Amino acid sequence: MTSSKQIIIIDDETDMCWVLDRLLRHRGYEVATATTGDSGLMLLQRISAQLAIIDCKLPDTDGLDVAAEAVKLHPDISLILISGFPFAEESELRKRVLSLNAYFLAKPFEVADLGALVEQVMGAK
């Protein structure tokens, strides 16, 4: 399953995965979702996605570690990191997000804002 429009979503909130899946499929993207870091890593090993949307807080692992592994597996992958925790305010975590060259959106966010960011990121590829 490879496409120039492939996106992987890794978020432990099944409702969030569902909403983002519907939004992005409606916009013409192929989407695969996972609700744990381990299952997300398995997807990343199987799918050559152009974008991964990853929750920073996953039940089984740190989402930033999953993001770093995504970059190792696919050096050209773009990342959007999302979190309900104030990561952007903590300097060490902010440095990690910046080191991954990732975009960051704090939850709750407007779905339209995420959609616009996805279009911006995918349009730049």
C-alpha atoms as a PDB file:
ATOM      1  CA  MET A   1       0.000   0.000   0.000  1.00  0.00           C
ATOM      2  CA  THR A   2       1.977   2.976  -1.232  1.00  0.00           C
ATOM      3  CA  SER A   3       0.635   6.215  -2.540  1.00  0.00           C
ATOM      4  CA  SER A   4       1.775   9.795  -2.799  1.00  0.00           C
ATOM      5  CA  LYS A   5      -1.242  10.569  -0.616  1.00  0.00           C
ATOM      6  CA  GLN A   6      -0.747   8.076   2.237  1.00  0.00           C
ATOM      7  CA  ILE A   7      -1.191   9.244   5.854  1.00  0.00           C
ATOM      8  CA  ILE A   8      -0.778   7.287   9.083  1.00  0.00           C
ATOM      9  CA  ILE A   9      -2.629   8.397  12.225  1.00  0.00           C
ATOM     10  CA  ILE A  10      -1.434   7.135  15.612  1.00  0.00           C
ATOM     11  CA  ASP A  11      -3.668   8.219  18.491  1.00  0.00           C
ATOM     12  CA  ASP A  12      -5.028   6.251  21.447  1.00  0.00           C
ATOM     13  CA  GLU A  13      -8.392   8.020  21.179  1.00  0.00           C
ATOM     14  CA  THR A  14     -10.451   5.897  18.782  1.00  0.00           C
ATOM     15  CA  ASP A  15     -12.888   8.785  18.232  1.00  0.00           C
ATOM     16  CA  MET A  16     -10.005  11.031  17.167  1.00  0.00           C
ATOM     17  CA  CYS A  17      -8.744   8.381  14.745  1.00  0.00           C
ATOM     18  CA  TRP A  18     -12.237   8.015  13.290  1.00  0.00           C
ATOM     19  CA  VAL A  19     -12.787  11.758  12.823  1.00  0.00           C
ATOM     20  CA  LEU A  20      -9.376  12.316  11.236  1.00  0.00           C
ATOM     21  CA  ASP A  21      -9.752   9.227   9.050  1.00  0.00           C
ATOM     22  CA  ARG A  22     -13.099  10.497   7.722  1.00  0.00           C
ATOM     23  CA  LEU A  23     -11.796  14.042   7.196  1.00  0.00           C
ATOM     24  CA  LEU A  24      -8.685  12.956   5.328  1.00  0.00           C
ATOM     25  CA  ARG A  25     -10.363  10.255   3.220  1.00  0.00           C
ATOM     26  CA  HIS A  26     -12.948  12.877   2.194  1.00  0.00           C
ATOM     27  CA  ARG A  27     -10.023  15.006   0.998  1.00  0.00           C
ATOM     28  CA  GLY A  28      -8.691  12.140  -1.136  1.00  0.00           C
ATOM     29  CA  TYR A  29      -5.990  10.699   1.109  1.00  0.00           C
ATOM     30  CA  GLU A  30      -5.357   7.049   1.881  1.00  0.00           C
ATOM     31  CA  VAL A  31      -5.389   6.647   5.656  1.00  0.00           C
ATOM     32  CA  ALA A  32      -4.251   3.963   8.084  1.00  0.00           C
ATOM     33  CA  THR A  33      -4.804   4.279  11.825  1.00  0.00           C
ATOM     34  CA  ALA A  34      -3.344   2.773  14.982  1.00  0.00           C
ATOM     35  CA  THR A  35      -4.234   3.290  18.637  1.00  0.00           C
ATOM     36  CA  THR A  36      -0.903   2.285  20.199  1.00  0.00           C
ATOM     37  CA  GLY A  37       2.714   3.110  19.535  1.00  0.00           C
ATOM     38  CA  ASP A  38       3.549  -0.534  18.797  1.00  0.00           C
ATOM     39  CA  SER A  39       0.758  -0.949  16.254  1.00  0.00           C
ATOM     40  CA  GLY A  40       1.709   2.413  14.757  1.00  0.00           C
ATOM     41  CA  LEU A  41       5.305   1.263  14.346  1.00  0.00           C
ATOM     42  CA  MET A  42       4.066  -1.880  12.583  1.00  0.00           C
ATOM     43  CA  LEU A  43       2.118   0.331  10.161  1.00  0.00           C
ATOM     44  CA  LEU A  44       5.184   2.495   9.587  1.00  0.00           C
ATOM     45  CA  GLN A  45       7.214  -0.606   8.742  1.00  0.00           C
ATOM     46  CA  ARG A  46       4.609  -1.762   6.190  1.00  0.00           C
ATOM     47  CA  ILE A  47       3.492   1.521   4.651  1.00  0.00           C
ATOM     48  CA  SER A  48       5.568   4.187   2.982  1.00  0.00           C
ATOM     49  CA  ALA A  49       3.506   7.150   4.151  1.00  0.00           C
ATOM     50  CA  GLN A  50       4.250  10.766   3.357  1.00  0.00           C
ATOM     51  CA  LEU A  51       2.761  12.033   6.613  1.00  0.00           C
ATOM     52  CA  ALA A  52       2.286  10.669  10.119  1.00  0.00           C
ATOM     53  CA  ILE A  53      -0.020  12.346  12.622  1.00  0.00           C
ATOM     54  CA  ILE A  54       1.086  11.141  16.051  1.00  0.00           C
ATOM     55  CA  ASP A  55      -0.278  11.779  19.528  1.00  0.00           C
ATOM     56  CA  CYS A  56       2.573  12.611  21.912  1.00  0.00           C
ATOM     57  CA  LYS A  57       1.021  10.589  24.745  1.00  0.00           C
ATOM     58  CA  LEU A  58       0.313   6.975  23.835  1.00  0.00           C
ATOM     59  CA  PRO A  59      -0.615   4.241  26.314  1.00  0.00           C
ATOM     60  CA  ASP A  60       2.368   2.001  25.587  1.00  0.00           C
ATOM     61  CA  THR A  61       5.154   4.382  24.560  1.00  0.00           C
ATOM     62  CA  ASP A  62       6.152   8.009  24.090  1.00  0.00           C
ATOM     63  CA  GLY A  63       4.723   9.392  20.859  1.00  0.00           C
ATOM     64  CA  LEU A  64       7.887  11.406  20.298  1.00  0.00           C
ATOM     65  CA  ASP A  65       9.872   8.149  20.283  1.00  0.00           C
ATOM     66  CA  VAL A  66       7.450   6.757  17.697  1.00  0.00           C
ATOM     67  CA  ALA A  67       7.945   9.936  15.648  1.00  0.00           C
ATOM     68  CA  ALA A  68      11.737   9.560  15.832  1.00  0.00           C
ATOM     69  CA  GLU A  69      11.437   5.951  14.664  1.00  0.00           C
ATOM     70  CA  ALA A  70       9.163   7.070  11.805  1.00  0.00           C
ATOM     71  CA  VAL A  71      11.908   9.416  10.613  1.00  0.00           C
ATOM     72  CA  LYS A  72      14.488   6.602  10.821  1.00  0.00           C
ATOM     73  CA  LEU A  73      12.258   4.346   8.739  1.00  0.00           C
ATOM     74  CA  HIS A  74      11.209   7.062   6.270  1.00  0.00           C
ATOM     75  CA  PRO A  75      13.643  10.022   6.253  1.00  0.00           C
ATOM     76  CA  ASP A  76      11.322  12.079   4.014  1.00  0.00           C
ATOM     77  CA  ILE A  77       8.190  11.620   6.130  1.00  0.00           C
ATOM     78  CA  SER A  78       6.463  14.725   7.453  1.00  0.00           C
ATOM     79  CA  LEU A  79       5.175  14.745  11.027  1.00  0.00           C
ATOM     80  CA  ILE A  80       2.307  16.457  12.785  1.00  0.00           C
ATOM     81  CA  LEU A  81       2.439  15.876  16.528  1.00  0.00           C
ATOM     82  CA  ILE A  82      -0.699  16.415  18.573  1.00  0.00           C
ATOM     83  CA  SER A  83      -1.259  16.447  22.316  1.00  0.00           C
ATOM     84  CA  GLY A  84      -3.654  17.547  24.998  1.00  0.00           C
ATOM     85  CA  PHE A  85      -0.674  18.132  27.265  1.00  0.00           C
ATOM     86  CA  PRO A  86       1.231  21.446  27.228  1.00  0.00           C
ATOM     87  CA  PHE A  87       4.262  20.082  25.379  1.00  0.00           C
ATOM     88  CA  ALA A  88       4.907  23.321  23.545  1.00  0.00           C
ATOM     89  CA  GLU A  89       5.520  25.055  26.884  1.00  0.00           C
ATOM     90  CA  GLU A  90       8.199  22.646  28.086  1.00  0.00           C
ATOM     91  CA  SER A  91      11.581  23.527  26.638  1.00  0.00           C
ATOM     92  CA  GLU A  92      13.031  19.997  26.483  1.00  0.00           C
ATOM     93  CA  LEU A  93       9.974  18.625  24.728  1.00  0.00           C
ATOM     94  CA  ARG A  94       9.817  21.652  22.440  1.00  0.00           C
ATOM     95  CA  LYS A  95      13.434  20.917  21.460  1.00  0.00           C
ATOM     96  CA  ARG A  96      12.503  17.313  20.621  1.00  0.00           C
ATOM     97  CA  VAL A  97       9.606  18.445  18.441  1.00  0.00           C
ATOM     98  CA  LEU A  98      11.882  20.918  16.660  1.00  0.00           C
ATOM     99  CA  SER A  99      14.643  18.309  16.235  1.00  0.00           C
ATOM    100  CA  LEU A 100      12.139  16.132  14.371  1.00  0.00           C
ATOM    101  CA  ASN A 101      11.223  19.071  12.129  1.00  0.00           C
ATOM    102  CA  ALA A 102       7.610  18.389  13.104  1.00  0.00           C
ATOM    103  CA  TYR A 103       4.509  20.526  13.255  1.00  0.00           C
ATOM    104  CA  PHE A 104       2.655  20.644  16.584  1.00  0.00           C
ATOM    105  CA  LEU A 105      -1.048  21.093  17.318  1.00  0.00           C
ATOM    106  CA  ALA A 106      -2.419  21.270  20.850  1.00  0.00           C
ATOM    107  CA  LYS A 107      -5.677  19.458  21.627  1.00  0.00           C
ATOM    108  CA  PRO A 108      -8.383  20.433  21.459  1.00  0.00           C
ATOM    109  CA  PHE A 109      -7.952  21.793  17.957  1.00  0.00           C
ATOM    110  CA  GLU A 110     -10.408  22.586  15.222  1.00  0.00           C
ATOM    111  CA  VAL A 111     -10.580  19.736  12.728  1.00  0.00           C
ATOM    112  CA  ALA A 112     -10.547  22.319   9.942  1.00  0.00           C
ATOM    113  CA  ASP A 113      -7.213  23.626  11.278  1.00  0.00           C
ATOM    114  CA  LEU A 114      -5.696  20.160  11.125  1.00  0.00           C
ATOM    115  CA  GLY A 115      -7.124  19.688   7.638  1.00  0.00           C
ATOM    116  CA  ALA A 116      -5.551  22.947   6.490  1.00  0.00           C
ATOM    117  CA  LEU A 117      -2.193  21.969   8.019  1.00  0.00           C
ATOM    118  CA  VAL A 118      -2.333  18.574   6.287  1.00  0.00           C
ATOM    119  CA  GLU A 119      -3.042  20.284   2.955  1.00  0.00           C
ATOM    120  CA  GLN A 120      -0.098  22.644   3.559  1.00  0.00           C
ATOM    121  CA  VAL A 121       2.278  19.816   4.466  1.00  0.00           C
ATOM    122  CA  MET A 122       1.187  17.473   1.667  1.00  0.00           C
ATOM    123  CA  GLY A 123       1.180  20.298  -0.870  1.00  0.00           C
ATOM    124  CA  ALA A 124       4.820  20.997  -0.068  1.00  0.00           C
ATOM    125  CA  LYS A 125       5.830  17.411  -0.928  1.00  0.00           C
END
